[in-house]
Structure formats: C-alpha cells, structure tokens
C-alpha atoms as a PDB file:
ATOM      1  CA  MET A   1      -2.953 -11.558 -18.989  1.00  0.00           C
ATOM      2  CA  SER A   2      -0.970 -12.691 -15.946  1.00  0.00           C
ATOM      3  CA  ARG A   3       1.250 -10.129 -14.185  1.00  0.00           C
ATOM      4  CA  PHE A   4       4.499 -10.737 -12.333  1.00  0.00           C
ATOM      5  CA  TYR A   5       6.864  -8.652 -10.230  1.00  0.00           C
ATOM      6  CA  ALA A   6      10.607  -8.411 -10.864  1.00  0.00           C
ATOM      7  CA  PRO A   7      12.504  -5.941  -8.624  1.00  0.00           C
ATOM      8  CA  ILE A   8      15.386  -5.547 -11.062  1.00  0.00           C
ATOM      9  CA  PHE A   9      16.431  -3.189 -13.855  1.00  0.00           C
ATOM     10  CA  ILE A  10      14.551  -4.133 -17.023  1.00  0.00           C
ATOM     11  CA  ASN A  11      14.848  -2.660 -20.506  1.00  0.00           C
ATOM     12  CA  GLU A  12      13.515  -3.604 -23.923  1.00  0.00           C
ATOM     13  CA  LYS A  13      16.547  -5.715 -24.807  1.00  0.00           C
ATOM     14  CA  SER A  14      16.887  -7.706 -21.623  1.00  0.00           C
ATOM     15  CA  SER A  15      16.234 -11.211 -20.461  1.00  0.00           C
ATOM     16  CA  PHE A  16      16.041 -12.100 -16.795  1.00  0.00           C
ATOM     17  CA  ALA A  17      14.980 -14.826 -14.391  1.00  0.00           C
ATOM     18  CA  LEU A  18      11.952 -14.560 -12.144  1.00  0.00           C
ATOM     19  CA  ASP A  19      12.651 -15.504  -8.540  1.00  0.00           C
ATOM     20  CA  ARG A  20      11.623 -18.928  -7.266  1.00  0.00           C
ATOM     21  CA  ALA A  21       8.320 -17.832  -5.754  1.00  0.00           C
ATOM     22  CA  GLN A  22       7.207 -16.033  -8.944  1.00  0.00           C
ATOM     23  CA  SER A  23       8.465 -18.927 -11.071  1.00  0.00           C
ATOM     24  CA  ARG A  24       6.523 -21.485  -9.035  1.00  0.00           C
ATOM     25  CA  HIS A  25       3.375 -19.434  -9.496  1.00  0.00           C
ATOM     26  CA  LEU A  26       4.004 -19.166 -13.240  1.00  0.00           C
ATOM     27  CA  ARG A  27       4.670 -22.882 -13.736  1.00  0.00           C
ATOM     28  CA  ASN A  28       2.706 -24.740 -11.092  1.00  0.00           C
ATOM     29  CA  VAL A  29      -0.336 -22.542 -10.508  1.00  0.00           C
ATOM     30  CA  LEU A  30      -0.945 -20.783 -13.820  1.00  0.00           C
ATOM     31  CA  ARG A  31       0.582 -23.609 -15.902  1.00  0.00           C
ATOM     32  CA  LEU A  32       2.210 -21.172 -18.312  1.00  0.00           C
ATOM     33  CA  LYS A  33       4.650 -22.498 -20.914  1.00  0.00           C
ATOM     34  CA  PRO A  34       7.509 -21.146 -23.054  1.00  0.00           C
ATOM     35  CA  GLY A  35       6.093 -18.764 -25.650  1.00  0.00           C
ATOM     36  CA  ASP A  36       3.207 -17.512 -23.483  1.00  0.00           C
ATOM     37  CA  GLU A  37       2.888 -13.741 -23.082  1.00  0.00           C
ATOM     38  CA  ILE A  38       2.901 -12.138 -19.623  1.00  0.00           C
ATOM     39  CA  ARG A  39       3.200  -8.654 -18.130  1.00  0.00           C
ATOM     40  CA  VAL A  40       6.047  -7.842 -15.734  1.00  0.00           C
ATOM     41  CA  PHE A  41       6.341  -4.719 -13.559  1.00  0.00           C
ATOM     42  CA  ASP A  42       9.373  -3.526 -11.631  1.00  0.00           C
ATOM     43  CA  GLY A  43       7.683  -1.843  -8.652  1.00  0.00           C
ATOM     44  CA  LYS A  44       8.966   1.588  -9.753  1.00  0.00           C
ATOM     45  CA  GLY A  45       6.147   2.321 -12.199  1.00  0.00           C
ATOM     46  CA  ASN A  46       7.444   0.513 -15.298  1.00  0.00           C
ATOM     47  CA  GLU A  47       5.658  -2.378 -16.990  1.00  0.00           C
ATOM     48  CA  PHE A  48       6.716  -4.661 -19.848  1.00  0.00           C
ATOM     49  CA  LEU A  49       5.148  -7.133 -22.238  1.00  0.00           C
ATOM     50  CA  CYS A  50       7.248 -10.296 -22.066  1.00  0.00           C
ATOM     51  CA  LEU A  51       7.508 -13.859 -23.301  1.00  0.00           C
ATOM     52  CA  VAL A  52       8.034 -16.860 -21.074  1.00  0.00           C
ATOM     53  CA  GLY A  53      11.330 -18.424 -22.139  1.00  0.00           C
ATOM     54  CA  GLU A  54      12.958 -21.674 -21.123  1.00  0.00           C
ATOM     55  CA  PHE A  55      12.881 -23.037 -17.583  1.00  0.00           C
ATOM     56  CA  GLU A  56      16.406 -22.825 -16.257  1.00  0.00           C
ATOM     57  CA  ASN A  57      16.571 -25.867 -14.034  1.00  0.00           C
ATOM     58  CA  ALA A  58      14.649 -28.349 -11.913  1.00  0.00           C
ATOM     59  CA  LYS A  59      14.255 -25.712  -9.204  1.00  0.00           C
ATOM     60  CA  SER A  60      11.877 -23.792 -11.454  1.00  0.00           C
ATOM     61  CA  LEU A  61      13.674 -20.558 -12.317  1.00  0.00           C
ATOM     62  CA  SER A  62      11.877 -19.098 -15.346  1.00  0.00           C
ATOM     63  CA  ILE A  63      13.751 -17.071 -17.963  1.00  0.00           C
ATOM     64  CA  ILE A  64      11.712 -14.119 -19.241  1.00  0.00           C
ATOM     65  CA  ARG A  65      12.361 -12.276 -22.503  1.00  0.00           C
ATOM     66  CA  VAL A  66      11.226  -8.650 -22.878  1.00  0.00           C
ATOM     67  CA  ILE A  67       9.197  -7.712 -25.968  1.00  0.00           C
ATOM     68  CA  LYS A  68       8.534  -4.032 -25.248  1.00  0.00           C
ATOM     69  CA  GLN A  69       7.671  -1.524 -22.545  1.00  0.00           C
ATOM     70  CA  ILE A  70       3.938  -0.863 -22.218  1.00  0.00           C
ATOM     71  CA  GLU A  71       1.577   1.299 -20.204  1.00  0.00           C
ATOM     72  CA  ALA A  72       0.909   0.051 -16.688  1.00  0.00           C
ATOM     73  CA  SER A  73      -2.395  -1.755 -16.248  1.00  0.00           C
ATOM     74  CA  SER A  74      -3.471   0.880 -13.720  1.00  0.00           C
ATOM     75  CA  VAL A  75      -2.238   4.486 -13.603  1.00  0.00           C
ATOM     76  CA  GLU A  76      -1.041   6.021 -10.352  1.00  0.00           C
ATOM     77  CA  SER A  77      -3.286   8.473  -8.537  1.00  0.00           C
ATOM     78  CA  PRO A  78      -2.339  12.167  -8.875  1.00  0.00           C
ATOM     79  CA  LEU A  79      -2.766  12.407  -5.102  1.00  0.00           C
ATOM     80  CA  ASP A  80       0.430  11.875  -3.093  1.00  0.00           C
ATOM     81  CA  PHE A  81      -1.306  10.058  -0.259  1.00  0.00           C
ATOM     82  CA  SER A  82       0.304   8.839   2.959  1.00  0.00           C
ATOM     83  CA  LEU A  83      -1.932   6.758   5.219  1.00  0.00           C
ATOM     84  CA  ALA A  84      -0.878   6.237   8.839  1.00  0.00           C
ATOM     85  CA  VAL A  85      -2.827   3.546  10.701  1.00  0.00           C
ATOM     86  CA  ALA A  86      -2.498   2.427  14.308  1.00  0.00           C
ATOM     87  CA  LEU A  87      -1.467  -1.212  14.367  1.00  0.00           C
ATOM     88  CA  LEU A  88      -4.349  -3.677  14.371  1.00  0.00           C
ATOM     89  CA  LYS A  89      -4.391  -7.353  15.202  1.00  0.00           C
ATOM     90  CA  GLY A  90      -3.522  -9.958  12.586  1.00  0.00           C
ATOM     91  CA  ALA A  91      -5.778 -10.153   9.568  1.00  0.00           C
ATOM     92  CA  LYS A  92      -7.279  -6.693  10.198  1.00  0.00           C
ATOM     93  CA  PHE A  93      -4.021  -4.910   9.433  1.00  0.00           C
ATOM     94  CA  ASP A  94      -3.373  -7.258   6.503  1.00  0.00           C
ATOM     95  CA  LEU A  95      -6.738  -6.186   5.084  1.00  0.00           C
ATOM     96  CA  VAL A  96      -5.843  -2.498   5.440  1.00  0.00           C
ATOM     97  CA  ILE A  97      -2.547  -3.083   3.592  1.00  0.00           C
ATOM     98  CA  GLN A  98      -4.309  -4.933   0.782  1.00  0.00           C
ATOM     99  CA  LYS A  99      -7.038  -2.329   0.304  1.00  0.00           C
ATOM    100  CA  ALA A 100      -4.668   0.632   0.656  1.00  0.00           C
ATOM    101  CA  THR A 101      -2.624  -0.851  -2.188  1.00  0.00           C
ATOM    102  CA  GLU A 102      -5.721  -1.322  -4.337  1.00  0.00           C
ATOM    103  CA  LEU A 103      -6.951   2.209  -3.596  1.00  0.00           C
ATOM    104  CA  GLY A 104      -3.718   3.891  -4.643  1.00  0.00           C
ATOM    105  CA  VAL A 105      -2.100   4.905  -1.354  1.00  0.00           C
ATOM    106  CA  SER A 106       1.505   6.032  -1.909  1.00  0.00           C
ATOM    107  CA  ASN A 107       2.903   5.296   1.539  1.00  0.00           C
ATOM    108  CA  LEU A 108       1.558   3.334   4.518  1.00  0.00           C
ATOM    109  CA  ILE A 109       2.890   4.034   8.013  1.00  0.00           C
ATOM    110  CA  PRO A 110       2.074   1.631  10.877  1.00  0.00           C
ATOM    111  CA  ILE A 111       1.633   3.635  14.093  1.00  0.00           C
ATOM    112  CA  LEU A 112       2.223   2.519  17.675  1.00  0.00           C
ATOM    113  CA  SER A 113      -0.370   4.440  19.660  1.00  0.00           C
ATOM    114  CA  HIS A 114      -1.314   4.573  23.331  1.00  0.00           C
ATOM    115  CA  ARG A 115      -4.206   2.105  22.862  1.00  0.00           C
ATOM    116  CA  SER A 116      -2.643  -0.182  20.287  1.00  0.00           C
ATOM    117  CA  GLU A 117      -3.199  -3.798  21.292  1.00  0.00           C
ATOM    118  CA  VAL A 118      -0.393  -5.181  19.148  1.00  0.00           C
ATOM    119  CA  LYS A 119       3.073  -5.968  20.498  1.00  0.00           C
ATOM    120  CA  LEU A 120       5.758  -6.373  17.857  1.00  0.00           C
ATOM    121  CA  LYS A 121       8.339  -9.011  18.673  1.00  0.00           C
ATOM    122  CA  ASN A 122       9.873  -9.375  15.203  1.00  0.00           C
ATOM    123  CA  PRO A 123       9.256  -6.179  13.202  1.00  0.00           C
ATOM    124  CA  GLU A 124      11.549  -7.298  10.371  1.00  0.00           C
ATOM    125  CA  ASN A 125       9.465 -10.453   9.854  1.00  0.00           C
ATOM    126  CA  LYS A 126       6.294  -8.362   9.914  1.00  0.00           C
ATOM    127  CA  LEU A 127       7.700  -5.993   7.304  1.00  0.00           C
ATOM    128  CA  GLU A 128       8.634  -8.878   5.032  1.00  0.00           C
ATOM    129  CA  ARG A 129       5.106 -10.292   5.312  1.00  0.00           C
ATOM    130  CA  TRP A 130       3.506  -6.905   4.685  1.00  0.00           C
ATOM    131  CA  ARG A 131       5.650  -6.332   1.584  1.00  0.00           C
ATOM    132  CA  LYS A 132       4.549  -9.685   0.192  1.00  0.00           C
ATOM    133  CA  ILE A 133       0.923  -8.607   0.633  1.00  0.00           C
ATOM    134  CA  ILE A 134       1.685  -5.365  -1.234  1.00  0.00           C
ATOM    135  CA  ILE A 135       3.299  -7.270  -4.107  1.00  0.00           C
ATOM    136  CA  GLU A 136       0.400  -9.709  -4.446  1.00  0.00           C
ATOM    137  CA  SER A 137      -2.155  -6.893  -4.236  1.00  0.00           C
ATOM    138  CA  SER A 138      -0.253  -4.883  -6.849  1.00  0.00           C
ATOM    139  CA  LYS A 139      -0.194  -7.861  -9.203  1.00  0.00           C
ATOM    140  CA  GLN A 140      -3.960  -8.193  -8.855  1.00  0.00           C
ATOM    141  CA  CYS A 141      -4.975  -4.518  -9.072  1.00  0.00           C
ATOM    142  CA  GLY A 142      -2.680  -3.464 -11.904  1.00  0.00           C
ATOM    143  CA  ARG A 143      -0.340  -1.054 -10.114  1.00  0.00           C
ATOM    144  CA  ALA A 144       3.207  -0.977 -11.451  1.00  0.00           C
ATOM    145  CA  LYS A 145       4.576   1.089  -8.561  1.00  0.00           C
ATOM    146  CA  LEU A 146       4.691  -0.593  -5.170  1.00  0.00           C
ATOM    147  CA  MET A 147       3.153   1.188  -2.207  1.00  0.00           C
ATOM    148  CA  GLU A 148       5.872   1.948   0.325  1.00  0.00           C
ATOM    149  CA  ILE A 149       5.587   0.705   3.897  1.00  0.00           C
ATOM    150  CA  CYS A 150       7.935   1.566   6.731  1.00  0.00           C
ATOM    151  CA  GLU A 151       8.733   0.124  10.124  1.00  0.00           C
ATOM    152  CA  PRO A 152       6.165   0.795  12.858  1.00  0.00           C
ATOM    153  CA  THR A 153       6.637   4.298  14.266  1.00  0.00           C
ATOM    154  CA  GLU A 154       5.792   5.714  17.670  1.00  0.00           C
ATOM    155  CA  PHE A 155       2.867   8.156  17.540  1.00  0.00           C
ATOM    156  CA  ASN A 156       4.834  11.143  18.850  1.00  0.00           C
ATOM    157  CA  ASP A 157       7.722  10.584  16.446  1.00  0.00           C
ATOM    158  CA  PHE A 158       5.354  10.364  13.515  1.00  0.00           C
ATOM    159  CA  MET A 159       3.549  13.563  14.483  1.00  0.00           C
ATOM    160  CA  GLU A 160       6.806  15.501  14.186  1.00  0.00           C
ATOM    161  CA  SER A 161       7.751  14.078  10.778  1.00  0.00           C
ATOM    162  CA  ALA A 162       4.444  14.026   8.845  1.00  0.00           C
ATOM    163  CA  GLU A 163       4.380  15.990   5.593  1.00  0.00           C
ATOM    164  CA  GLY A 164       1.798  17.674   3.376  1.00  0.00           C
ATOM    165  CA  GLU A 165      -1.703  18.588   4.522  1.00  0.00           C
ATOM    166  CA  THR A 166      -2.168  16.568   7.722  1.00  0.00           C
ATOM    167  CA  PHE A 167      -5.422  15.162   9.115  1.00  0.00           C
ATOM    168  CA  LEU A 168      -6.164  12.977  12.115  1.00  0.00           C
ATOM    169  CA  PHE A 169      -9.494  11.143  11.990  1.00  0.00           C
ATOM    170  CA  SER A 170     -11.230  10.817  15.319  1.00  0.00           C
ATOM    171  CA  GLU A 171     -14.628   9.711  16.598  1.00  0.00           C
ATOM    172  CA  LYS A 172     -15.019  13.013  18.457  1.00  0.00           C
ATOM    173  CA  ASP A 173     -13.992  16.682  18.677  1.00  0.00           C
ATOM    174  CA  GLY A 174     -13.338  17.175  14.978  1.00  0.00           C
ATOM    175  CA  ASP A 175     -14.401  19.180  11.935  1.00  0.00           C
ATOM    176  CA  SER A 176     -16.550  17.778   9.151  1.00  0.00           C
ATOM    177  CA  PHE A 177     -15.013  16.031   6.171  1.00  0.00           C
ATOM    178  CA  ALA A 178     -16.257  18.884   3.966  1.00  0.00           C
ATOM    179  CA  SER A 179     -13.786  21.222   5.688  1.00  0.00           C
ATOM    180  CA  ILE A 180     -10.831  19.498   3.991  1.00  0.00           C
ATOM    181  CA  LYS A 181      -9.505  21.693   1.199  1.00  0.00           C
ATOM    182  CA  SER A 182      -8.082  20.552  -2.107  1.00  0.00           C
ATOM    183  CA  SER A 183      -4.528  19.258  -1.896  1.00  0.00           C
ATOM    184  CA  LYS A 184      -2.057  17.227  -3.952  1.00  0.00           C
ATOM    185  CA  ARG A 185      -0.261  15.871  -0.886  1.00  0.00           C
ATOM    186  CA  ILE A 186      -2.160  14.476   2.083  1.00  0.00           C
ATOM    187  CA  THR A 187      -1.280  12.566   5.238  1.00  0.00           C
ATOM    188  CA  ALA A 188      -4.279  10.934   6.923  1.00  0.00           C
ATOM    189  CA  VAL A 189      -4.036   9.233  10.320  1.00  0.00           C
ATOM    190  CA  VAL A 190      -6.536   6.633  11.550  1.00  0.00           C
ATOM    191  CA  GLY A 191      -6.596   5.391  15.131  1.00  0.00           C
ATOM    192  CA  PRO A 192      -6.706   2.032  16.927  1.00  0.00           C
ATOM    193  CA  GLU A 193      -9.722  -0.081  17.831  1.00  0.00           C
ATOM    194  CA  GLY A 194     -10.066   1.680  21.184  1.00  0.00           C
ATOM    195  CA  GLY A 195      -9.851   5.162  19.686  1.00  0.00           C
ATOM    196  CA  TRP A 196      -7.317   7.896  20.348  1.00  0.00           C
ATOM    197  CA  ASP A 197      -6.272   8.904  23.833  1.00  0.00           C
ATOM    198  CA  ASP A 198      -7.148  12.550  24.601  1.00  0.00           C
ATOM    199  CA  SER A 199      -3.456  13.360  24.957  1.00  0.00           C
ATOM    200  CA  GLU A 200      -2.799  12.097  21.421  1.00  0.00           C
ATOM    201  CA  ILE A 201      -5.476  14.361  19.980  1.00  0.00           C
ATOM    202  CA  GLU A 202      -3.856  17.319  21.754  1.00  0.00           C
ATOM    203  CA  ILE A 203      -0.429  16.369  20.423  1.00  0.00           C
ATOM    204  CA  ALA A 204      -1.901  16.211  16.923  1.00  0.00           C
ATOM    205  CA  ARG A 205      -3.388  19.701  17.300  1.00  0.00           C
ATOM    206  CA  LYS A 206      -0.049  21.082  18.510  1.00  0.00           C
ATOM    207  CA  ASN A 207       1.569  19.612  15.379  1.00  0.00           C
ATOM    208  CA  ASN A 208      -0.972  21.380  13.159  1.00  0.00           C
ATOM    209  CA  PHE A 209      -3.058  18.322  12.316  1.00  0.00           C
ATOM    210  CA  GLN A 210      -6.667  19.107  11.516  1.00  0.00           C
ATOM    211  CA  ILE A 211      -9.006  16.800  13.463  1.00  0.00           C
ATOM    212  CA  ILE A 212     -11.744  15.294  11.282  1.00  0.00           C
ATOM    213  CA  THR A 213     -14.800  13.344  12.447  1.00  0.00           C
ATOM    214  CA  LEU A 214     -16.838  11.124  10.106  1.00  0.00           C
ATOM    215  CA  GLY A 215     -20.274  11.994  11.442  1.00  0.00           C
ATOM    216  CA  GLY A 216     -21.865  10.098  14.291  1.00  0.00           C
ATOM    217  CA  ARG A 217     -21.462   6.567  12.970  1.00  0.00           C
ATOM    218  CA  ILE A 218     -18.982   4.367  14.846  1.00  0.00           C
ATOM    219  CA  LEU A 219     -16.720   2.423  12.479  1.00  0.00           C
ATOM    220  CA  ARG A 220     -14.300  -0.406  13.120  1.00  0.00           C
ATOM    221  CA  ALA A 221     -10.701   0.746  12.764  1.00  0.00           C
ATOM    222  CA  GLU A 222     -10.103  -1.202   9.559  1.00  0.00           C
ATOM    223  CA  THR A 223     -13.384   0.060   8.082  1.00  0.00           C
ATOM    224  CA  ALA A 224     -12.441   3.639   8.967  1.00  0.00           C
ATOM    225  CA  ALA A 225      -9.035   3.316   7.272  1.00  0.00           C
ATOM    226  CA  ILE A 226     -10.565   1.935   4.064  1.00  0.00           C
ATOM    227  CA  SER A 227     -13.423   4.457   4.091  1.00  0.00           C
ATOM    228  CA  VAL A 228     -11.155   7.455   4.664  1.00  0.00           C
ATOM    229  CA  THR A 229      -8.887   6.319   1.833  1.00  0.00           C
ATOM    230  CA  SER A 230     -11.796   5.818  -0.567  1.00  0.00           C
ATOM    231  CA  ILE A 231     -13.320   9.225   0.197  1.00  0.00           C
ATOM    232  CA  LEU A 232     -10.014  11.100  -0.132  1.00  0.00           C
ATOM    233  CA  GLN A 233      -9.174   9.369  -3.409  1.00  0.00           C
ATOM    234  CA  HIS A 234     -12.649  10.156  -4.723  1.00  0.00           C
ATOM    235  CA  THR A 235     -12.413  13.801  -3.652  1.00  0.00           C
ATOM    236  CA  PHE A 236      -8.796  14.602  -4.545  1.00  0.00           C
ATOM    237  CA  GLY A 237      -7.464  11.562  -6.419  1.00  0.00           C
ATOM    238  CA  ASP A 238      -8.628   9.392  -9.304  1.00  0.00           C
ATOM    239  CA  LEU A 239     -11.631   7.485  -7.904  1.00  0.00           C
ATOM    240  CA  ASN A 240     -14.227   9.531  -9.717  1.00  0.00           C
END
C-alpha cells in the first residue's frame, strides 16, 4: 500500500489535503483514484489508514479522509542513535542520508572537519534537499518518525555538545569495536574522505570520545558511515 507524508496534526476524524508534491505523486505517478486506500504518516511516529477523497482543483490538491490510526509500517529502533558525518561531496552524502534513514538513525549531524572538501554556499538550500531525501526514504522504508538533520556544524563545536556514549571512528590509533559497551544512547562520528587530522583526534579524546578503529581495512567515508550504523544497530538496536 502506498505511503504518504503529511506534516500536520491528524486524528481519526479529520480530513486534510496533501501538498502539491505529494498530490502529484498520488495522481500522476501512482494513478490512484478516489476511494483507494493509502497510509499516511506525520513524521512524529503516527501512521493512519486513509481513503483518497476528491481532487480539490486543477492544481492537483488531493483531499484525504482518515479511517483509523494504525501501527507504523516499521517500528523505531530502541537505540537513540546520533550519527555525525563529515560532509562528503554530492551524491555520497545523499547516499549516507538515505541509508541512515533506512537503518533507523535518530539524528544526523553534518560535520565541517579540517579535511572536508565541501564548501557550503547555501546551507538552507542543502537542508531543504536533505529533508526531502529523508521524507522519500521514510516513505519507502516504513518509518513514521522522520530522522532529524541539523545545519552543518564545526567539528570543535560538535565535540563540546555531543551527548550519550560518544565514539569517533578512525583509521588509526583506536580500540576495537568489541570494546564498545551496551548503551541506549550513542553518538558515532565518522570522518571525511581524507581521514581525521591528528589534532581532531586529540580534541575528541579531550572531550571523552572513545576512538574506535574498524580493523585494518580501508573504507570509503560513505561505506564507513553505513557500516558503522549497521553494526551498531545490530549490536545495540533492532537489526538482529
């Protein structure tokens, strides 16, 4: 059954209009018609079984009628998981956002590190694009709660504000993955394509981050981010 996102208050007695983008997808791509059943989630963890109602006007606004609240297609992980990733070029960072959403990350923090190769000219436009990726990924993977993403943050500022059990993944000078102890709240930090600068590793240590190294294999930054997320969710979350 097709899923749609509506960032509004919904209850079991309401009717509402999908926005133009969602309505175009409903009408022109999926070819749904009045009377068809769909699922709608609000991005806060709630999901509803709904009926497609009438089409409001020529500009394709679709009226949706709520039947009842239902269980989300995919439950949220019990692990409160923040993933901080040094900014990567173009499609690489888009891929990390998509897979982090699918894998149940709670919060994604883009990091501006010493060796980041990305220069942000219009961060607001980037954020809007990234949020659209999160919405589309959530529709596909069944999550009813949207992963949060914040504006890119300088490495030093992030180090001082990170919460929970904190780990920085590095290609050198770290402990084994097996040294990570059970936790319900984790912040994992993955570096840029060129790796961390030595000064950044020292700053992480001073801020009580445990340095973790994934063996001797060298991974691309986007592969490392996805791999770290998968392993942590398998070990402490719901991928088991």
